[in-house]
């Protein structure tokens, strides 16, 4: 009985869903910001690479500080494909989906 239990526990710890492994990788960021008396503004460019041999559509969750008074998002834009991306805004984050071609 104990052997069967150990085998079951061991098998449950092995990752079975291999396709769930990370398909894209965050590789760099370029951030600029401005500060004045009333406003703190950030512009960020984030670089990802597709580590597979086919197109991958990935949802990216981008959190913000919980201490921010207000967050105004002007746009989320894919510079590679010159397209605006739809996004969903949450209280302290946004989520958006983008297609990435193989590197």
PDB file of N, CA and C in Angstrom:
ATOM      1  N   UNK A   1       0.820  -1.195   0.000  1.00  0.00           N
ATOM      2  CA  UNK A   1       0.000   0.000   0.000  1.00  0.00           C
ATOM      3  C   UNK A   1       0.871   1.269   0.000  1.00  0.00           C
ATOM      4  N   UNK A   2       1.892   1.310   0.835  1.00  0.00           N
ATOM      5  CA  UNK A   2       2.769   2.480   0.897  1.00  0.00           C
ATOM      6  C   UNK A   2       3.508   2.700  -0.417  1.00  0.00           C
ATOM      7  N   UNK A   3       3.907   1.622  -1.084  1.00  0.00           N
ATOM      8  CA  UNK A   3       4.607   1.755  -2.366  1.00  0.00           C
ATOM      9  C   UNK A   3       3.695   2.371  -3.416  1.00  0.00           C
ATOM     10  N   UNK A   4       2.458   1.939  -3.466  1.00  0.00           N
ATOM     11  CA  UNK A   4       1.503   2.483  -4.415  1.00  0.00           C
ATOM     12  C   UNK A   4       1.298   3.974  -4.165  1.00  0.00           C
ATOM     13  N   UNK A   5       1.214   4.379  -2.938  1.00  0.00           N
ATOM     14  CA  UNK A   5       1.046   5.780  -2.589  1.00  0.00           C
ATOM     15  C   UNK A   5       2.253   6.595  -3.044  1.00  0.00           C
ATOM     16  N   UNK A   6       3.466   6.101  -2.815  1.00  0.00           N
ATOM     17  CA  UNK A   6       4.673   6.819  -3.236  1.00  0.00           C
ATOM     18  C   UNK A   6       4.757   6.935  -4.745  1.00  0.00           C
ATOM     19  N   UNK A   7       4.380   5.899  -5.458  1.00  0.00           N
ATOM     20  CA  UNK A   7       4.384   5.958  -6.921  1.00  0.00           C
ATOM     21  C   UNK A   7       3.381   6.987  -7.403  1.00  0.00           C
ATOM     22  N   UNK A   8       2.210   7.013  -6.807  1.00  0.00           N
ATOM     23  CA  UNK A   8       1.184   7.980  -7.195  1.00  0.00           C
ATOM     24  C   UNK A   8       1.657   9.403  -6.933  1.00  0.00           C
ATOM     25  N   UNK A   9       2.246   9.645  -5.774  1.00  0.00           N
ATOM     26  CA  UNK A   9       2.740  10.984  -5.443  1.00  0.00           C
ATOM     27  C   UNK A   9       3.871  11.374  -6.377  1.00  0.00           C
ATOM     28  N   UNK A  10       4.771  10.468  -6.674  1.00  0.00           N
ATOM     29  CA  UNK A  10       5.879  10.767  -7.574  1.00  0.00           C
ATOM     30  C   UNK A  10       5.383  11.112  -8.970  1.00  0.00           C
ATOM     31  N   UNK A  11       4.422  10.373  -9.480  1.00  0.00           N
ATOM     32  CA  UNK A  11       3.895  10.659 -10.804  1.00  0.00           C
ATOM     33  C   UNK A  11       3.143  11.979 -10.835  1.00  0.00           C
ATOM     34  N   UNK A  12       2.519  12.348  -9.743  1.00  0.00           N
ATOM     35  CA  UNK A  12       1.773  13.607  -9.731  1.00  0.00           C
ATOM     36  C   UNK A  12       2.702  14.814  -9.718  1.00  0.00           C
ATOM     37  N   UNK A  13       3.963  14.633  -9.354  1.00  0.00           N
ATOM     38  CA  UNK A  13       4.916  15.746  -9.336  1.00  0.00           C
ATOM     39  C   UNK A  13       5.608  15.951 -10.678  1.00  0.00           C
ATOM     40  N   UNK A  14       5.508  14.988 -11.593  1.00  0.00           N
ATOM     41  CA  UNK A  14       6.140  15.103 -12.910  1.00  0.00           C
ATOM     42  C   UNK A  14       5.285  15.983 -13.804  1.00  0.00           C
ATOM     43  N   UNK A  15       5.852  17.015 -14.444  1.00  0.00           N
ATOM     44  CA  UNK A  15       5.050  17.850 -15.338  1.00  0.00           C
ATOM     45  C   UNK A  15       4.568  17.034 -16.536  1.00  0.00           C
ATOM     46  N   UNK A  16       3.281  16.936 -16.674  1.00  0.00           N
ATOM     47  CA  UNK A  16       2.713  16.137 -17.753  1.00  0.00           C
ATOM     48  C   UNK A  16       2.397  16.996 -18.963  1.00  0.00           C
ATOM     49  N   UNK A  17       2.053  18.250 -18.766  1.00  0.00           N
ATOM     50  CA  UNK A  17       1.651  19.111 -19.871  1.00  0.00           C
ATOM     51  C   UNK A  17       2.876  19.836 -20.421  1.00  0.00           C
ATOM     52  N   UNK A  18       3.664  19.164 -21.228  1.00  0.00           N
ATOM     53  CA  UNK A  18       4.889  19.730 -21.794  1.00  0.00           C
ATOM     54  C   UNK A  18       4.616  21.004 -22.600  1.00  0.00           C
ATOM     55  N   UNK A  19       3.530  21.101 -23.423  1.00  0.00           N
ATOM     56  CA  UNK A  19       3.299  22.330 -24.179  1.00  0.00           C
ATOM     57  C   UNK A  19       3.087  23.564 -23.305  1.00  0.00           C
ATOM     58  N   UNK A  20       2.840  23.378 -22.027  1.00  0.00           N
ATOM     59  CA  UNK A  20       2.632  24.521 -21.142  1.00  0.00           C
ATOM     60  C   UNK A  20       3.945  25.201 -20.766  1.00  0.00           C
ATOM     61  N   UNK A  21       5.080  24.638 -21.192  1.00  0.00           N
ATOM     62  CA  UNK A  21       6.356  25.263 -20.903  1.00  0.00           C
ATOM     63  C   UNK A  21       6.407  26.642 -21.553  1.00  0.00           C
ATOM     64  N   UNK A  22       7.255  27.501 -21.041  1.00  0.00           N
ATOM     65  CA  UNK A  22       7.341  28.874 -21.525  1.00  0.00           C
ATOM     66  C   UNK A  22       7.723  28.902 -23.003  1.00  0.00           C
ATOM     67  N   UNK A  23       6.877  29.534 -23.817  1.00  0.00           N
ATOM     68  CA  UNK A  23       7.118  29.608 -25.256  1.00  0.00           C
ATOM     69  C   UNK A  23       7.743  30.939 -25.660  1.00  0.00           C
ATOM     70  N   UNK A  24       7.482  31.974 -24.876  1.00  0.00           N
ATOM     71  CA  UNK A  24       8.109  33.262 -25.177  1.00  0.00           C
ATOM     72  C   UNK A  24       8.992  33.654 -24.005  1.00  0.00           C
ATOM     73  N   UNK A  25       9.937  34.515 -24.304  1.00  0.00           N
ATOM     74  CA  UNK A  25      10.866  34.961 -23.275  1.00  0.00           C
ATOM     75  C   UNK A  25      10.972  36.479 -23.316  1.00  0.00           C
ATOM     76  N   UNK A  26      10.871  37.100 -22.161  1.00  0.00           N
ATOM     77  CA  UNK A  26      11.101  38.533 -22.022  1.00  0.00           C
ATOM     78  C   UNK A  26      12.603  38.734 -22.093  1.00  0.00           C
ATOM     79  N   UNK A  27      13.077  39.606 -23.014  1.00  0.00           N
ATOM     80  CA  UNK A  27      14.529  39.742 -23.188  1.00  0.00           C
ATOM     81  C   UNK A  27      15.085  41.126 -22.870  1.00  0.00           C
ATOM     82  N   UNK A  28      14.247  42.168 -22.916  1.00  0.00           N
ATOM     83  CA  UNK A  28      14.771  43.514 -22.642  1.00  0.00           C
ATOM     84  C   UNK A  28      13.625  44.496 -22.451  1.00  0.00           C
ATOM     85  N   UNK A  29      13.974  45.672 -21.930  1.00  0.00           N
ATOM     86  CA  UNK A  29      13.008  46.757 -21.812  1.00  0.00           C
ATOM     87  C   UNK A  29      13.727  48.086 -21.984  1.00  0.00           C
ATOM     88  N   UNK A  30      12.989  49.054 -22.481  1.00  0.00           N
ATOM     89  CA  UNK A  30      13.486  50.415 -22.627  1.00  0.00           C
ATOM     90  C   UNK A  30      12.413  51.321 -22.056  1.00  0.00           C
ATOM     91  N   UNK A  31      12.733  52.013 -20.982  1.00  0.00           N
ATOM     92  CA  UNK A  31      11.728  52.825 -20.286  1.00  0.00           C
ATOM     93  C   UNK A  31      12.217  54.270 -20.209  1.00  0.00           C
ATOM     94  N   UNK A  32      11.324  55.196 -20.554  1.00  0.00           N
ATOM     95  CA  UNK A  32      11.611  56.603 -20.295  1.00  0.00           C
ATOM     96  C   UNK A  32      10.433  57.184 -19.524  1.00  0.00           C
ATOM     97  N   UNK A  33      10.724  58.170 -18.706  1.00  0.00           N
ATOM     98  CA  UNK A  33       9.657  58.782 -17.915  1.00  0.00           C
ATOM     99  C   UNK A  33       9.915  60.264 -17.737  1.00  0.00           C
ATOM    100  N   UNK A  34       8.843  60.968 -17.466  1.00  0.00           N
ATOM    101  CA  UNK A  34       8.936  62.391 -17.173  1.00  0.00           C
ATOM    102  C   UNK A  34       8.193  62.666 -15.866  1.00  0.00           C
ATOM    103  N   UNK A  35       8.714  63.620 -15.144  1.00  0.00           N
ATOM    104  CA  UNK A  35       8.100  64.013 -13.873  1.00  0.00           C
ATOM    105  C   UNK A  35       7.945  65.521 -13.883  1.00  0.00           C
ATOM    106  N   UNK A  36       6.750  65.970 -13.565  1.00  0.00           N
ATOM    107  CA  UNK A  36       6.556  67.392 -13.304  1.00  0.00           C
ATOM    108  C   UNK A  36       5.731  67.521 -12.034  1.00  0.00           C
ATOM    109  N   UNK A  37       5.270  68.711 -11.731  1.00  0.00           N
ATOM    110  CA  UNK A  37       4.584  68.959 -10.470  1.00  0.00           C
ATOM    111  C   UNK A  37       3.338  68.096 -10.287  1.00  0.00           C
ATOM    112  N   UNK A  38       2.613  67.822 -11.378  1.00  0.00           N
ATOM    113  CA  UNK A  38       1.332  67.132 -11.268  1.00  0.00           C
ATOM    114  C   UNK A  38       1.294  65.738 -11.892  1.00  0.00           C
ATOM    115  N   UNK A  39       2.361  65.335 -12.558  1.00  0.00           N
ATOM    116  CA  UNK A  39       2.261  64.123 -13.367  1.00  0.00           C
ATOM    117  C   UNK A  39       3.562  63.337 -13.392  1.00  0.00           C
ATOM    118  N   UNK A  40       3.423  62.047 -13.336  1.00  0.00           N
ATOM    119  CA  UNK A  40       4.525  61.118 -13.553  1.00  0.00           C
ATOM    120  C   UNK A  40       4.108  60.256 -14.734  1.00  0.00           C
ATOM    121  N   UNK A  41       4.844  60.329 -15.833  1.00  0.00           N
ATOM    122  CA  UNK A  41       4.466  59.645 -17.067  1.00  0.00           C
ATOM    123  C   UNK A  41       5.555  58.648 -17.461  1.00  0.00           C
ATOM    124  N   UNK A  42       5.130  57.443 -17.848  1.00  0.00           N
ATOM    125  CA  UNK A  42       6.072  56.388 -18.239  1.00  0.00           C
ATOM    126  C   UNK A  42       5.739  55.908 -19.641  1.00  0.00           C
ATOM    127  N   UNK A  43       6.776  55.734 -20.444  1.00  0.00           N
ATOM    128  CA  UNK A  43       6.655  55.101 -21.750  1.00  0.00           C
ATOM    129  C   UNK A  43       7.613  53.916 -21.733  1.00  0.00           C
ATOM    130  N   UNK A  44       7.085  52.727 -21.975  1.00  0.00           N
ATOM    131  CA  UNK A  44       7.934  51.539 -21.924  1.00  0.00           C
ATOM    132  C   UNK A  44       7.847  50.731 -23.201  1.00  0.00           C
ATOM    133  N   UNK A  45       8.982  50.250 -23.640  1.00  0.00           N
ATOM    134  CA  UNK A  45       9.046  49.321 -24.768  1.00  0.00           C
ATOM    135  C   UNK A  45       9.619  48.023 -24.208  1.00  0.00           C
ATOM    136  N   UNK A  46       8.875  46.938 -24.407  1.00  0.00           N
ATOM    137  CA  UNK A  46       9.254  45.645 -23.862  1.00  0.00           C
ATOM    138  C   UNK A  46       9.511  44.681 -25.010  1.00  0.00           C
ATOM    139  N   UNK A  47      10.589  43.927 -24.915  1.00  0.00           N
ATOM    140  CA  UNK A  47      11.015  43.043 -25.985  1.00  0.00           C
ATOM    141  C   UNK A  47      10.836  41.583 -25.556  1.00  0.00           C
ATOM    142  N   UNK A  48      10.180  40.817 -26.428  1.00  0.00           N
ATOM    143  CA  UNK A  48       9.963  39.398 -26.195  1.00  0.00           C
ATOM    144  C   UNK A  48      10.472  38.631 -27.405  1.00  0.00           C
ATOM    145  N   UNK A  49      10.845  37.390 -27.209  1.00  0.00           N
ATOM    146  CA  UNK A  49      11.213  36.526 -28.331  1.00  0.00           C
ATOM    147  C   UNK A  49      10.417  35.230 -28.235  1.00  0.00           C
ATOM    148  N   UNK A  50      10.055  34.704 -29.386  1.00  0.00           N
ATOM    149  CA  UNK A  50       9.312  33.461 -29.494  1.00  0.00           C
ATOM    150  C   UNK A  50      10.329  32.333 -29.625  1.00  0.00           C
ATOM    151  N   UNK A  51      10.344  31.412 -28.675  1.00  0.00           N
ATOM    152  CA  UNK A  51      11.336  30.340 -28.656  1.00  0.00           C
ATOM    153  C   UNK A  51      10.864  29.081 -29.385  1.00  0.00           C
ATOM    154  N   UNK A  52       9.749  29.163 -30.099  1.00  0.00           N
ATOM    155  CA  UNK A  52       9.250  28.000 -30.820  1.00  0.00           C
ATOM    156  C   UNK A  52       9.473  28.186 -32.319  1.00  0.00           C
ATOM    157  N   UNK A  53       9.020  27.229 -33.096  1.00  0.00           N
ATOM    158  CA  UNK A  53       9.156  27.309 -34.552  1.00  0.00           C
ATOM    159  C   UNK A  53       7.858  27.725 -35.229  1.00  0.00           C
ATOM    160  N   UNK A  54       6.858  28.125 -34.451  1.00  0.00           N
ATOM    161  CA  UNK A  54       5.595  28.563 -35.028  1.00  0.00           C
ATOM    162  C   UNK A  54       5.078  29.783 -34.273  1.00  0.00           C
ATOM    163  N   UNK A  55       4.116  30.472 -34.873  1.00  0.00           N
ATOM    164  CA  UNK A  55       3.538  31.649 -34.232  1.00  0.00           C
ATOM    165  C   UNK A  55       2.911  31.262 -32.901  1.00  0.00           C
ATOM    166  N   UNK A  56       3.089  32.126 -31.918  1.00  0.00           N
ATOM    167  CA  UNK A  56       2.508  31.917 -30.596  1.00  0.00           C
ATOM    168  C   UNK A  56       1.685  33.145 -30.245  1.00  0.00           C
ATOM    169  N   UNK A  57       0.459  32.936 -29.800  1.00  0.00           N
ATOM    170  CA  UNK A  57      -0.356  34.027 -29.279  1.00  0.00           C
ATOM    171  C   UNK A  57      -0.284  33.925 -27.767  1.00  0.00           C
ATOM    172  N   UNK A  58       0.158  35.013 -27.139  1.00  0.00           N
ATOM    173  CA  UNK A  58       0.402  35.002 -25.702  1.00  0.00           C
ATOM    174  C   UNK A  58      -0.324  36.162 -25.039  1.00  0.00           C
ATOM    175  N   UNK A  59      -0.949  35.901 -23.920  1.00  0.00           N
ATOM    176  CA  UNK A  59      -1.528  36.960 -23.104  1.00  0.00           C
ATOM    177  C   UNK A  59      -0.486  37.396 -22.097  1.00  0.00           C
ATOM    178  N   UNK A  60      -0.290  38.687 -22.005  1.00  0.00           N
ATOM    179  CA  UNK A  60       0.710  39.258 -21.097  1.00  0.00           C
ATOM    180  C   UNK A  60      -0.019  40.065 -20.038  1.00  0.00           C
ATOM    181  N   UNK A  61       0.288  39.799 -18.793  1.00  0.00           N
ATOM    182  CA  UNK A  61      -0.300  40.490 -17.653  1.00  0.00           C
ATOM    183  C   UNK A  61       0.740  41.460 -17.124  1.00  0.00           C
ATOM    184  N   UNK A  62       0.405  42.756 -17.107  1.00  0.00           N
ATOM    185  CA  UNK A  62       1.354  43.790 -16.723  1.00  0.00           C
ATOM    186  C   UNK A  62       0.835  44.526 -15.488  1.00  0.00           C
ATOM    187  N   UNK A  63       1.435  44.299 -14.325  1.00  0.00           N
ATOM    188  CA  UNK A  63       0.950  44.934 -13.082  1.00  0.00           C
ATOM    189  C   UNK A  63       1.495  46.352 -12.896  1.00  0.00           C
ATOM    190  N   UNK A  64       0.763  47.145 -12.113  1.00  0.00           N
ATOM    191  CA  UNK A  64       1.176  48.493 -11.726  1.00  0.00           C
ATOM    192  C   UNK A  64       1.275  48.564 -10.211  1.00  0.00           C
ATOM    193  N   UNK A  65       1.909  49.613  -9.731  1.00  0.00           N
ATOM    194  CA  UNK A  65       2.020  49.819  -8.290  1.00  0.00           C
ATOM    195  C   UNK A  65       0.640  50.015  -7.660  1.00  0.00           C
ATOM    196  N   UNK A  66       0.446  49.419  -6.517  1.00  0.00           N
ATOM    197  CA  UNK A  66      -0.818  49.594  -5.787  1.00  0.00           C
ATOM    198  C   UNK A  66      -0.927  51.000  -5.200  1.00  0.00           C
ATOM    199  N   UNK A  67       0.189  51.721  -5.126  1.00  0.00           N
ATOM    200  CA  UNK A  67       0.204  53.057  -4.531  1.00  0.00           C
ATOM    201  C   UNK A  67      -0.110  54.170  -5.521  1.00  0.00           C
ATOM    202  N   UNK A  68      -0.336  53.846  -6.783  1.00  0.00           N
ATOM    203  CA  UNK A  68      -0.616  54.877  -7.787  1.00  0.00           C
ATOM    204  C   UNK A  68      -1.990  55.494  -7.530  1.00  0.00           C
ATOM    205  N   UNK A  69      -2.071  56.810  -7.608  1.00  0.00           N
ATOM    206  CA  UNK A  69      -3.351  57.504  -7.414  1.00  0.00           C
ATOM    207  C   UNK A  69      -4.304  57.222  -8.567  1.00  0.00           C
ATOM    208  N   UNK A  70      -3.793  57.300  -9.779  1.00  0.00           N
ATOM    209  CA  UNK A  70      -4.614  57.021 -10.960  1.00  0.00           C
ATOM    210  C   UNK A  70      -3.696  56.544 -12.076  1.00  0.00           C
ATOM    211  N   UNK A  71      -4.248  55.688 -12.907  1.00  0.00           N
ATOM    212  CA  UNK A  71      -3.479  55.166 -14.037  1.00  0.00           C
ATOM    213  C   UNK A  71      -4.290  55.414 -15.298  1.00  0.00           C
ATOM    214  N   UNK A  72      -3.670  56.105 -16.245  1.00  0.00           N
ATOM    215  CA  UNK A  72      -4.310  56.359 -17.534  1.00  0.00           C
ATOM    216  C   UNK A  72      -3.434  55.697 -18.592  1.00  0.00           C
ATOM    217  N   UNK A  73      -4.010  54.777 -19.314  1.00  0.00           N
ATOM    218  CA  UNK A  73      -3.283  54.078 -20.366  1.00  0.00           C
ATOM    219  C   UNK A  73      -3.699  54.685 -21.697  1.00  0.00           C
ATOM    220  N   UNK A  74      -2.734  55.199 -22.440  1.00  0.00           N
ATOM    221  CA  UNK A  74      -3.061  55.797 -23.733  1.00  0.00           C
ATOM    222  C   UNK A  74      -3.187  54.745 -24.813  1.00  0.00           C
ATOM    223  N   UNK A  75      -2.268  53.782 -24.845  1.00  0.00           N
ATOM    224  CA  UNK A  75      -2.364  52.713 -25.834  1.00  0.00           C
ATOM    225  C   UNK A  75      -1.356  51.622 -25.520  1.00  0.00           C
ATOM    226  N   UNK A  76      -1.652  50.448 -26.057  1.00  0.00           N
ATOM    227  CA  UNK A  76      -0.720  49.327 -26.071  1.00  0.00           C
ATOM    228  C   UNK A  76      -0.520  49.027 -27.546  1.00  0.00           C
ATOM    229  N   UNK A  77       0.720  49.028 -27.968  1.00  0.00           N
ATOM    230  CA  UNK A  77       1.017  49.002 -29.401  1.00  0.00           C
ATOM    231  C   UNK A  77       2.112  47.983 -29.698  1.00  0.00           C
ATOM    232  N   UNK A  78       1.911  47.183 -30.733  1.00  0.00           N
ATOM    233  CA  UNK A  78       2.926  46.241 -31.178  1.00  0.00           C
ATOM    234  C   UNK A  78       3.771  46.943 -32.247  1.00  0.00           C
ATOM    235  N   UNK A  79       5.000  47.315 -31.896  1.00  0.00           N
ATOM    236  CA  UNK A  79       5.870  48.039 -32.822  1.00  0.00           C
ATOM    237  C   UNK A  79       6.308  47.173 -34.001  1.00  0.00           C
ATOM    238  N   UNK A  80       6.461  45.881 -33.795  1.00  0.00           N
ATOM    239  CA  UNK A  80       6.902  44.998 -34.875  1.00  0.00           C
ATOM    240  C   UNK A  80       5.881  44.944 -36.003  1.00  0.00           C
ATOM    241  N   UNK A  81       4.593  44.858 -35.643  1.00  0.00           N
ATOM    242  CA  UNK A  81       3.543  44.721 -36.652  1.00  0.00           C
ATOM    243  C   UNK A  81       2.748  46.009 -36.862  1.00  0.00           C
ATOM    244  N   UNK A  82       3.179  47.089 -36.231  1.00  0.00           N
ATOM    245  CA  UNK A  82       2.513  48.402 -36.357  1.00  0.00           C
ATOM    246  C   UNK A  82       1.005  48.289 -36.153  1.00  0.00           C
ATOM    247  N   UNK A  83       0.620  47.750 -34.993  1.00  0.00           N
ATOM    248  CA  UNK A  83      -0.801  47.595 -34.710  1.00  0.00           C
ATOM    249  C   UNK A  83      -1.098  47.899 -33.246  1.00  0.00           C
ATOM    250  N   UNK A  84      -2.215  48.570 -33.023  1.00  0.00           N
ATOM    251  CA  UNK A  84      -2.695  48.777 -31.662  1.00  0.00           C
ATOM    252  C   UNK A  84      -3.266  47.472 -31.135  1.00  0.00           C
ATOM    253  N   UNK A  85      -3.044  47.218 -29.864  1.00  0.00           N
ATOM    254  CA  UNK A  85      -3.549  46.002 -29.243  1.00  0.00           C
ATOM    255  C   UNK A  85      -4.672  46.342 -28.276  1.00  0.00           C
ATOM    256  N   UNK A  86      -5.710  45.546 -28.292  1.00  0.00           N
ATOM    257  CA  UNK A  86      -6.769  45.692 -27.298  1.00  0.00           C
ATOM    258  C   UNK A  86      -6.227  45.204 -25.964  1.00  0.00           C
ATOM    259  N   UNK A  87      -6.679  45.817 -24.898  1.00  0.00           N
ATOM    260  CA  UNK A  87      -6.244  45.407 -23.571  1.00  0.00           C
ATOM    261  C   UNK A  87      -7.406  45.470 -22.611  1.00  0.00           C
ATOM    262  N   UNK A  88      -7.272  44.734 -21.536  1.00  0.00           N
ATOM    263  CA  UNK A  88      -8.269  44.761 -20.475  1.00  0.00           C
ATOM    264  C   UNK A  88      -7.622  45.399 -19.257  1.00  0.00           C
ATOM    265  N   UNK A  89      -8.282  46.396 -18.696  1.00  0.00           N
ATOM    266  CA  UNK A  89      -7.737  47.101 -17.545  1.00  0.00           C
ATOM    267  C   UNK A  89      -8.337  46.539 -16.271  1.00  0.00           C
ATOM    268  N   UNK A  90      -7.483  46.287 -15.317  1.00  0.00           N
ATOM    269  CA  UNK A  90      -7.886  45.865 -13.978  1.00  0.00           C
ATOM    270  C   UNK A  90      -7.535  46.990 -13.013  1.00  0.00           C
ATOM    271  N   UNK A  91      -7.790  46.804 -11.748  1.00  0.00           N
ATOM    272  CA  UNK A  91      -7.523  47.856 -10.767  1.00  0.00           C
ATOM    273  C   UNK A  91      -6.048  48.275 -10.774  1.00  0.00           C
ATOM    274  N   UNK A  92      -5.153  47.320 -10.755  1.00  0.00           N
ATOM    275  CA  UNK A  92      -3.718  47.629 -10.706  1.00  0.00           C
ATOM    276  C   UNK A  92      -2.919  46.878 -11.768  1.00  0.00           C
ATOM    277  N   UNK A  93      -3.538  46.665 -12.936  1.00  0.00           N
ATOM    278  CA  UNK A  93      -2.834  45.930 -13.987  1.00  0.00           C
ATOM    279  C   UNK A  93      -3.598  46.047 -15.302  1.00  0.00           C
ATOM    280  N   UNK A  94      -2.936  45.635 -16.362  1.00  0.00           N
ATOM    281  CA  UNK A  94      -3.613  45.432 -17.644  1.00  0.00           C
ATOM    282  C   UNK A  94      -3.188  44.071 -18.182  1.00  0.00           C
ATOM    283  N   UNK A  95      -3.999  43.547 -19.090  1.00  0.00           N
ATOM    284  CA  UNK A  95      -3.662  42.303 -19.781  1.00  0.00           C
ATOM    285  C   UNK A  95      -3.932  42.527 -21.260  1.00  0.00           C
ATOM    286  N   UNK A  96      -3.052  42.021 -22.086  1.00  0.00           N
ATOM    287  CA  UNK A  96      -3.239  42.119 -23.530  1.00  0.00           C
ATOM    288  C   UNK A  96      -2.673  40.877 -24.185  1.00  0.00           C
ATOM    289  N   UNK A  97      -3.115  40.612 -25.385  1.00  0.00           N
ATOM    290  CA  UNK A  97      -2.686  39.435 -26.117  1.00  0.00           C
ATOM    291  C   UNK A  97      -2.030  39.871 -27.423  1.00  0.00           C
ATOM    292  N   UNK A  98      -0.958  39.167 -27.778  1.00  0.00           N
ATOM    293  CA  UNK A  98      -0.256  39.501 -29.010  1.00  0.00           C
ATOM    294  C   UNK A  98       0.296  38.238 -29.641  1.00  0.00           C
ATOM    295  N   UNK A  99       0.370  38.246 -30.965  1.00  0.00           N
ATOM    296  CA  UNK A  99       0.974  37.128 -31.692  1.00  0.00           C
ATOM    297  C   UNK A  99       2.459  37.413 -31.878  1.00  0.00           C
ATOM    298  N   UNK A 100       3.274  36.400 -31.679  1.00  0.00           N
ATOM    299  CA  UNK A 100       4.714  36.530 -31.874  1.00  0.00           C
ATOM    300  C   UNK A 100       5.167  35.478 -32.866  1.00  0.00           C
ATOM    301  N   UNK A 101       5.852  35.931 -33.905  1.00  0.00           N
ATOM    302  CA  UNK A 101       6.403  35.028 -34.902  1.00  0.00           C
ATOM    303  C   UNK A 101       7.689  34.410 -34.359  1.00  0.00           C
ATOM    304  N   UNK A 102       8.095  33.264 -34.895  1.00  0.00           N
ATOM    305  CA  UNK A 102       9.370  32.647 -34.446  1.00  0.00           C
ATOM    306  C   UNK A 102      10.548  33.584 -34.723  1.00  0.00           C
ATOM    307  N   UNK A 103      11.548  33.492 -33.880  1.00  0.00           N
ATOM    308  CA  UNK A 103      12.747  34.333 -34.041  1.00  0.00           C
ATOM    309  C   UNK A 103      13.562  33.916 -35.241  1.00  0.00           C
TER     310      UNK A 103
END
